[in-house]
Every structure is written in structure tokens, then in C-alpha cells.
Amino acid sequence: MSISGSYTEGEGADHIPALSPAAAAPGTEAGAAFEEIPLVDLLVLQDLESQLAQPAIARKFALDYIEIWEQRFLNLTNAIIDQDLTTALDAAISLKIGSAMVGGLRLARLAEDIESVIRSGSWDAGQSMLAGVSNLGHETVTQLRLSYLPAA
């Protein structure tokens, strides 16, 4: 069950399409393809629940993800502004993995792009991507609250 997009079952967090939203302007074919990636894919969370055999642990993980979103984004922002390669990579990879684990596949894809930009040393490009990361992060957190943690 995907929240958005036409993702096929079984793709989940292990298969995040290789698209570059930084280069994919809205209204273009690449922009539309990026929008096809689910904002939140509940199959990923359902799989986590099954693997852990305790849905409460998966829900706690999602809640923790939501609670540390602002700090995670602040760490990424500060590291990019400071041009701190090690910290910026750590923050981008943490965002990518954490987002994928809670089914935030579109944000995970964007975090992968920002990781590539950081690795290339394109600090200005990284700074220009931060607003998109912020917006998508807030959308992801909101969708998790509404679709997976309605009581949280």
C-alpha cells in the first residue's frame, strides 16, 4: 500500500529509483518520475513490523524518526554551510537510511542526491537543495503522523 505514486509492490526501500530531483524541474518528465516515488510507502513499515515481530517497536522507530527530524535537518544544514565533509556525509547518509527505513522513499532519494552533491564538493548546490529537503522532510513527517501514527 503506497501513500502516493505508482510504485509496484516489492520495490520498497531496497529499490529507490535513480532519479535526480535536483535536476528534475516540476512539470518535466524527470520531475514527474520523481513524484512517482511514494512520499511514504507503508509496505516498508509493514515489513519492518513483520521482521521485528512486534509492531510497537516499528511504531516507536517511526515516532523517533519524527521526533529527531528537525535536529537531523539542522545537522545537515550546518554541515553544508560549514563545508564540513565528514559531518555532511554523516548527516546525509543518516537521513537517507532513516528515511528509507520508515518508508520515506522520496526523501531517501533526495538524501541520496544531496549525498552525491556533497561528495562532489558542490557546496553551493548542496545549499540550494536544503529548502527542498526541508519541505519534503516536513511532508514526510506529516504523512507518517497521518497514515502510520494517527494516535501519536
Protein backbone atom coordinates (compact mmCIF):
# COMPACT_ATOMS: atom_id res chain seq x y z
CA MET A 1 0.00 0.00 0.00
CA SER A 2 1.72 3.14 -1.20
CA ILE A 3 0.67 6.55 0.01
CA SER A 4 1.35 8.09 -3.39
CA GLY A 5 2.71 7.23 -6.78
CA SER A 6 2.51 4.05 -8.80
CA TYR A 7 5.21 2.08 -7.10
CA THR A 8 4.86 -1.64 -7.53
CA GLU A 9 4.77 -3.95 -4.57
CA GLY A 10 8.15 -5.40 -3.71
CA GLU A 11 10.18 -2.39 -4.74
CA GLY A 12 10.21 -0.72 -1.30
CA ALA A 13 13.29 0.77 0.33
CA ASP A 14 15.65 -1.63 -1.41
CA HIS A 15 14.76 -0.15 -4.78
CA ILE A 16 14.70 3.63 -4.81
CA PRO A 17 14.62 4.73 -8.47
CA ALA A 18 17.71 6.55 -9.68
CA LEU A 19 16.27 9.95 -10.42
CA SER A 20 17.74 13.35 -9.76
CA PRO A 21 15.10 15.66 -8.31
CA ALA A 22 17.67 18.43 -8.12
CA ALA A 23 17.80 18.37 -11.92
CA ALA A 24 14.15 17.40 -12.37
CA ALA A 25 12.13 20.57 -12.69
CA PRO A 26 8.43 20.36 -11.85
CA GLY A 27 6.36 19.73 -14.93
CA THR A 28 9.16 17.86 -16.72
CA GLU A 29 9.28 14.14 -17.38
CA ALA A 30 12.05 13.68 -14.78
CA GLY A 31 10.09 15.80 -12.29
CA ALA A 32 7.02 13.65 -12.84
CA ALA A 33 9.11 10.49 -12.38
CA PHE A 34 10.42 11.82 -9.04
CA GLU A 35 6.82 12.46 -7.99
CA GLU A 36 6.06 8.79 -8.76
CA ILE A 37 8.26 7.75 -5.85
CA PRO A 38 5.98 7.32 -2.83
CA LEU A 39 6.15 10.01 -0.21
CA VAL A 40 5.61 7.28 2.40
CA ASP A 41 5.34 3.61 1.47
CA LEU A 42 3.55 1.76 4.25
CA LEU A 43 4.75 -1.60 2.87
CA VAL A 44 8.21 -0.72 4.17
CA LEU A 45 6.84 -0.19 7.69
CA GLN A 46 4.68 -3.30 7.50
CA ASP A 47 7.77 -5.27 6.50
CA LEU A 48 9.67 -3.79 9.45
CA GLU A 49 6.83 -4.79 11.77
CA SER A 50 7.00 -8.34 10.42
CA GLN A 51 10.77 -8.56 10.73
CA LEU A 52 10.68 -7.33 14.31
CA ALA A 53 7.59 -9.42 15.13
CA GLN A 54 6.46 -6.52 17.31
CA PRO A 55 4.58 -3.66 15.63
CA ALA A 56 5.11 -1.45 18.69
CA ILE A 57 8.86 -1.38 18.06
CA ALA A 58 8.36 -0.31 14.45
CA ARG A 59 5.94 2.39 15.57
CA LYS A 60 8.46 3.61 18.15
CA PHE A 61 11.11 3.75 15.43
CA ALA A 62 8.80 5.86 13.25
CA LEU A 63 7.98 8.12 16.18
CA ASP A 64 11.68 8.56 16.97
CA TYR A 65 12.30 9.43 13.31
CA ILE A 66 9.63 12.13 13.54
CA GLU A 67 10.97 13.49 16.83
CA ILE A 68 14.55 13.87 15.55
CA TRP A 69 13.66 15.21 12.10
CA GLU A 70 14.37 18.86 12.97
CA GLN A 71 17.73 18.03 14.58
CA ARG A 72 18.69 15.78 11.67
CA PHE A 73 17.90 18.57 9.20
CA LEU A 74 19.75 21.16 11.31
CA ASN A 75 22.84 18.92 11.41
CA LEU A 76 22.77 18.58 7.61
CA THR A 77 22.24 22.31 7.11
CA ASN A 78 25.06 23.33 9.46
CA ALA A 79 27.48 20.81 7.98
CA ILE A 80 26.79 22.02 4.44
CA ILE A 81 27.08 25.68 5.42
CA ASP A 82 30.33 24.93 7.25
CA GLN A 83 31.53 22.79 4.32
CA ASP A 84 32.32 20.00 6.78
CA LEU A 85 32.63 16.98 4.51
CA THR A 86 32.63 14.28 7.20
CA THR A 87 29.69 15.68 9.15
CA ALA A 88 27.71 16.50 6.00
CA LEU A 89 28.15 12.97 4.65
CA ASP A 90 27.18 11.50 8.01
CA ALA A 91 24.06 13.67 8.11
CA ALA A 92 23.05 12.90 4.51
CA ILE A 93 23.59 9.15 4.93
CA SER A 94 21.69 9.16 8.22
CA LEU A 95 18.81 10.97 6.52
CA LYS A 96 18.87 8.56 3.57
CA ILE A 97 18.91 5.38 5.64
CA GLY A 98 16.48 6.57 8.30
CA SER A 99 14.02 7.82 5.69
CA ALA A 100 14.20 4.58 3.72
CA MET A 101 13.62 2.54 6.89
CA VAL A 102 10.37 4.39 7.67
CA GLY A 103 9.21 4.22 4.08
CA GLY A 104 10.01 7.85 3.25
CA LEU A 105 11.28 6.82 -0.16
CA ARG A 106 11.09 10.19 -1.90
CA LEU A 107 13.09 11.86 0.89
CA ALA A 108 15.55 8.96 0.89
CA ARG A 109 16.04 9.52 -2.87
CA LEU A 110 16.63 13.23 -2.33
CA ALA A 111 19.06 12.49 0.51
CA GLU A 112 20.96 10.21 -1.85
CA ASP A 113 21.20 13.08 -4.33
CA ILE A 114 22.43 15.50 -1.69
CA GLU A 115 24.98 12.90 -0.58
CA SER A 116 26.32 12.81 -4.16
CA VAL A 117 26.46 16.59 -4.29
CA ILE A 118 28.37 16.67 -1.00
CA ARG A 119 30.82 14.03 -2.23
CA SER A 120 31.46 16.12 -5.34
CA GLY A 121 32.23 19.17 -3.19
CA SER A 122 29.44 21.23 -4.74
CA TRP A 123 28.62 23.13 -1.57
CA ASP A 124 26.55 25.80 -3.36
CA ALA A 125 24.42 23.09 -4.98
CA GLY A 126 24.05 21.43 -1.58
CA GLN A 127 22.85 24.69 -0.04
CA SER A 128 20.37 25.18 -2.87
CA MET A 129 18.90 21.72 -2.18
CA LEU A 130 18.26 22.38 1.51
CA ALA A 131 14.88 24.08 1.01
CA GLY A 132 13.66 21.06 -0.92
CA VAL A 133 14.95 18.71 1.78
CA SER A 134 13.17 20.77 4.42
CA ASN A 135 9.87 20.82 2.55
CA LEU A 136 9.98 17.13 1.70
CA GLY A 137 11.04 16.25 5.23
CA HIS A 138 8.08 18.08 6.71
CA GLU A 139 5.72 16.44 4.20
CA THR A 140 7.15 13.02 5.08
CA VAL A 141 6.79 13.60 8.82
CA THR A 142 3.22 14.83 8.37
CA GLN A 143 2.32 11.83 6.23
CA LEU A 144 3.85 9.41 8.76
CA ARG A 145 1.79 11.00 11.50
CA LEU A 146 -1.41 10.83 9.47
CA SER A 147 -1.04 7.41 7.91
CA TYR A 148 1.04 5.37 10.32
CA LEU A 149 0.86 7.03 13.72
CA PRO A 150 -2.59 8.63 13.78
CA ALA A 151 -2.72 8.44 17.59
CA ALA A 152 0.78 9.92 18.00
